[in-house]
Amino acid sequence: MLSLSSPLLPLSLLLLLLLFLLSLLLSVLSLLLLLLSLLLLTPSLLLLLLSFLSLVLSLLLLLLSFLSSLLSLLTKLSLVRVISIILT
């Protein structure tokens, strides 16, 4: 269980922030790849590769969002436990 004085709490919040920033970076890269593929109006191997890369980046973004939500939930649950222990 995490307490307010525990070093794990700031670490988990930092990890949550890093996951959010990484997912933001992946979404921007995915958008740039989609824009680049739209600019290349001819179907080619490069276009297919960019589309596949964009799909992979989007799936990674979904996975990171899920992990971020899970970490946030675990952090909130542990904070609720700490507050309930303090209040009782």
C-alpha atoms as a PDB file:
ATOM      1  CA  MET A   1       0.000   0.000   0.000  1.00  0.00           C
ATOM      2  CA  LEU A   2       1.241   3.478  -0.824  1.00  0.00           C
ATOM      3  CA  SER A   3       1.297   6.103   1.839  1.00  0.00           C
ATOM      4  CA  LEU A   4       1.693   9.822   1.432  1.00  0.00           C
ATOM      5  CA  SER A   5       5.255   9.645   2.725  1.00  0.00           C
ATOM      6  CA  SER A   6       6.099   6.694   0.507  1.00  0.00           C
ATOM      7  CA  PRO A   7       8.588   7.294  -2.313  1.00  0.00           C
ATOM      8  CA  LEU A   8       6.416   5.093  -4.527  1.00  0.00           C
ATOM      9  CA  LEU A   9       3.623   7.640  -4.738  1.00  0.00           C
ATOM     10  CA  PRO A  10       5.650  10.363  -6.511  1.00  0.00           C
ATOM     11  CA  LEU A  11       7.215   7.645  -8.626  1.00  0.00           C
ATOM     12  CA  SER A  12       3.828   6.352  -9.752  1.00  0.00           C
ATOM     13  CA  LEU A  13       2.637   9.877 -10.503  1.00  0.00           C
ATOM     14  CA  LEU A  14       5.801  10.509 -12.480  1.00  0.00           C
ATOM     15  CA  LEU A  15       5.255   7.289 -14.381  1.00  0.00           C
ATOM     16  CA  LEU A  16       1.687   8.341 -15.102  1.00  0.00           C
ATOM     17  CA  LEU A  17       2.925  11.659 -16.457  1.00  0.00           C
ATOM     18  CA  LEU A  18       5.542   9.924 -18.600  1.00  0.00           C
ATOM     19  CA  LEU A  19       2.935   7.557 -20.007  1.00  0.00           C
ATOM     20  CA  PHE A  20       0.692  10.472 -20.841  1.00  0.00           C
ATOM     21  CA  LEU A  21       3.516  12.365 -22.577  1.00  0.00           C
ATOM     22  CA  LEU A  22       4.542   9.281 -24.497  1.00  0.00           C
ATOM     23  CA  SER A  23       0.983   8.661 -25.652  1.00  0.00           C
ATOM     24  CA  LEU A  24       0.751  12.299 -26.701  1.00  0.00           C
ATOM     25  CA  LEU A  25       3.964  11.957 -28.679  1.00  0.00           C
ATOM     26  CA  LEU A  26       2.695   8.789 -30.337  1.00  0.00           C
ATOM     27  CA  SER A  27      -0.548  10.452 -31.319  1.00  0.00           C
ATOM     28  CA  VAL A  28       1.317  13.396 -32.861  1.00  0.00           C
ATOM     29  CA  LEU A  29       3.582  11.014 -34.771  1.00  0.00           C
ATOM     30  CA  SER A  30       0.585   9.067 -35.955  1.00  0.00           C
ATOM     31  CA  LEU A  31      -1.077  12.251 -37.145  1.00  0.00           C
ATOM     32  CA  LEU A  32       2.068  13.321 -38.973  1.00  0.00           C
ATOM     33  CA  LEU A  33       2.288   9.953 -40.668  1.00  0.00           C
ATOM     34  CA  LEU A  34      -1.312  10.177 -41.763  1.00  0.00           C
ATOM     35  CA  LEU A  35      -0.782  13.670 -43.145  1.00  0.00           C
ATOM     36  CA  LEU A  36       2.308  12.537 -44.969  1.00  0.00           C
ATOM     37  CA  SER A  37       0.459   9.591 -46.445  1.00  0.00           C
ATOM     38  CA  LEU A  38      -2.303  11.938 -47.605  1.00  0.00           C
ATOM     39  CA  LEU A  39       0.259  14.166 -49.263  1.00  0.00           C
ATOM     40  CA  LEU A  40       1.616  11.203 -51.193  1.00  0.00           C
ATOM     41  CA  LEU A  41      -1.429  10.680 -53.332  1.00  0.00           C
ATOM     42  CA  THR A  42       0.057   7.807 -55.298  1.00  0.00           C
ATOM     43  CA  PRO A  43      -0.379   4.314 -53.864  1.00  0.00           C
ATOM     44  CA  SER A  44       3.036   2.908 -53.212  1.00  0.00           C
ATOM     45  CA  LEU A  45       4.953   0.712 -50.865  1.00  0.00           C
ATOM     46  CA  LEU A  46       5.876   3.770 -48.827  1.00  0.00           C
ATOM     47  CA  LEU A  47       2.223   4.660 -48.419  1.00  0.00           C
ATOM     48  CA  LEU A  48       1.395   1.156 -47.264  1.00  0.00           C
ATOM     49  CA  LEU A  49       4.294   1.218 -44.847  1.00  0.00           C
ATOM     50  CA  LEU A  50       3.208   4.570 -43.444  1.00  0.00           C
ATOM     51  CA  SER A  51      -0.341   3.347 -43.003  1.00  0.00           C
ATOM     52  CA  PHE A  52       0.858   0.245 -41.225  1.00  0.00           C
ATOM     53  CA  LEU A  53       3.149   2.316 -39.006  1.00  0.00           C
ATOM     54  CA  SER A  54       0.287   4.634 -38.194  1.00  0.00           C
ATOM     55  CA  LEU A  55      -1.866   1.683 -37.236  1.00  0.00           C
ATOM     56  CA  VAL A  56       0.847   0.280 -34.978  1.00  0.00           C
ATOM     57  CA  LEU A  57       1.344   3.664 -33.336  1.00  0.00           C
ATOM     58  CA  SER A  58      -2.374   3.983 -32.741  1.00  0.00           C
ATOM     59  CA  LEU A  59      -2.480   0.561 -31.112  1.00  0.00           C
ATOM     60  CA  LEU A  60       0.447   1.525 -28.912  1.00  0.00           C
ATOM     61  CA  LEU A  61      -1.407   4.671 -27.986  1.00  0.00           C
ATOM     62  CA  LEU A  62      -4.426   2.619 -26.940  1.00  0.00           C
ATOM     63  CA  LEU A  63      -2.252   0.335 -24.868  1.00  0.00           C
ATOM     64  CA  LEU A  64      -0.526   3.259 -23.171  1.00  0.00           C
ATOM     65  CA  SER A  65      -3.854   4.894 -22.454  1.00  0.00           C
ATOM     66  CA  PHE A  66      -5.089   1.714 -20.841  1.00  0.00           C
ATOM     67  CA  LEU A  67      -1.938   1.412 -18.733  1.00  0.00           C
ATOM     68  CA  SER A  68      -2.187   5.043 -17.761  1.00  0.00           C
ATOM     69  CA  SER A  69      -5.799   4.620 -16.661  1.00  0.00           C
ATOM     70  CA  LEU A  70      -4.931   1.515 -14.712  1.00  0.00           C
ATOM     71  CA  LEU A  71      -2.060   3.253 -12.956  1.00  0.00           C
ATOM     72  CA  SER A  72      -4.259   6.227 -12.189  1.00  0.00           C
ATOM     73  CA  LEU A  73      -6.916   3.966 -10.718  1.00  0.00           C
ATOM     74  CA  LEU A  74      -4.376   2.143  -8.571  1.00  0.00           C
ATOM     75  CA  THR A  75      -2.953   5.438  -7.345  1.00  0.00           C
ATOM     76  CA  LYS A  76      -6.401   6.771  -6.486  1.00  0.00           C
ATOM     77  CA  LEU A  77      -7.355   3.576  -4.697  1.00  0.00           C
ATOM     78  CA  SER A  78      -4.215   3.644  -2.616  1.00  0.00           C
ATOM     79  CA  LEU A  79      -4.786   7.318  -1.782  1.00  0.00           C
ATOM     80  CA  VAL A  80      -8.342   6.532  -0.699  1.00  0.00           C
ATOM     81  CA  ARG A  81      -6.999   3.796   1.566  1.00  0.00           C
ATOM     82  CA  VAL A  82      -4.429   6.147   3.069  1.00  0.00           C
ATOM     83  CA  ILE A  83      -7.044   8.834   3.685  1.00  0.00           C
ATOM     84  CA  SER A  84      -9.450   6.325   5.216  1.00  0.00           C
ATOM     85  CA  ILE A  85      -6.697   5.018   7.506  1.00  0.00           C
ATOM     86  CA  ILE A  86      -5.806   8.558   8.552  1.00  0.00           C
ATOM     87  CA  LEU A  87      -9.434   9.459   9.246  1.00  0.00           C
ATOM     88  CA  THR A  88     -10.174   6.340  11.289  1.00  0.00           C
END
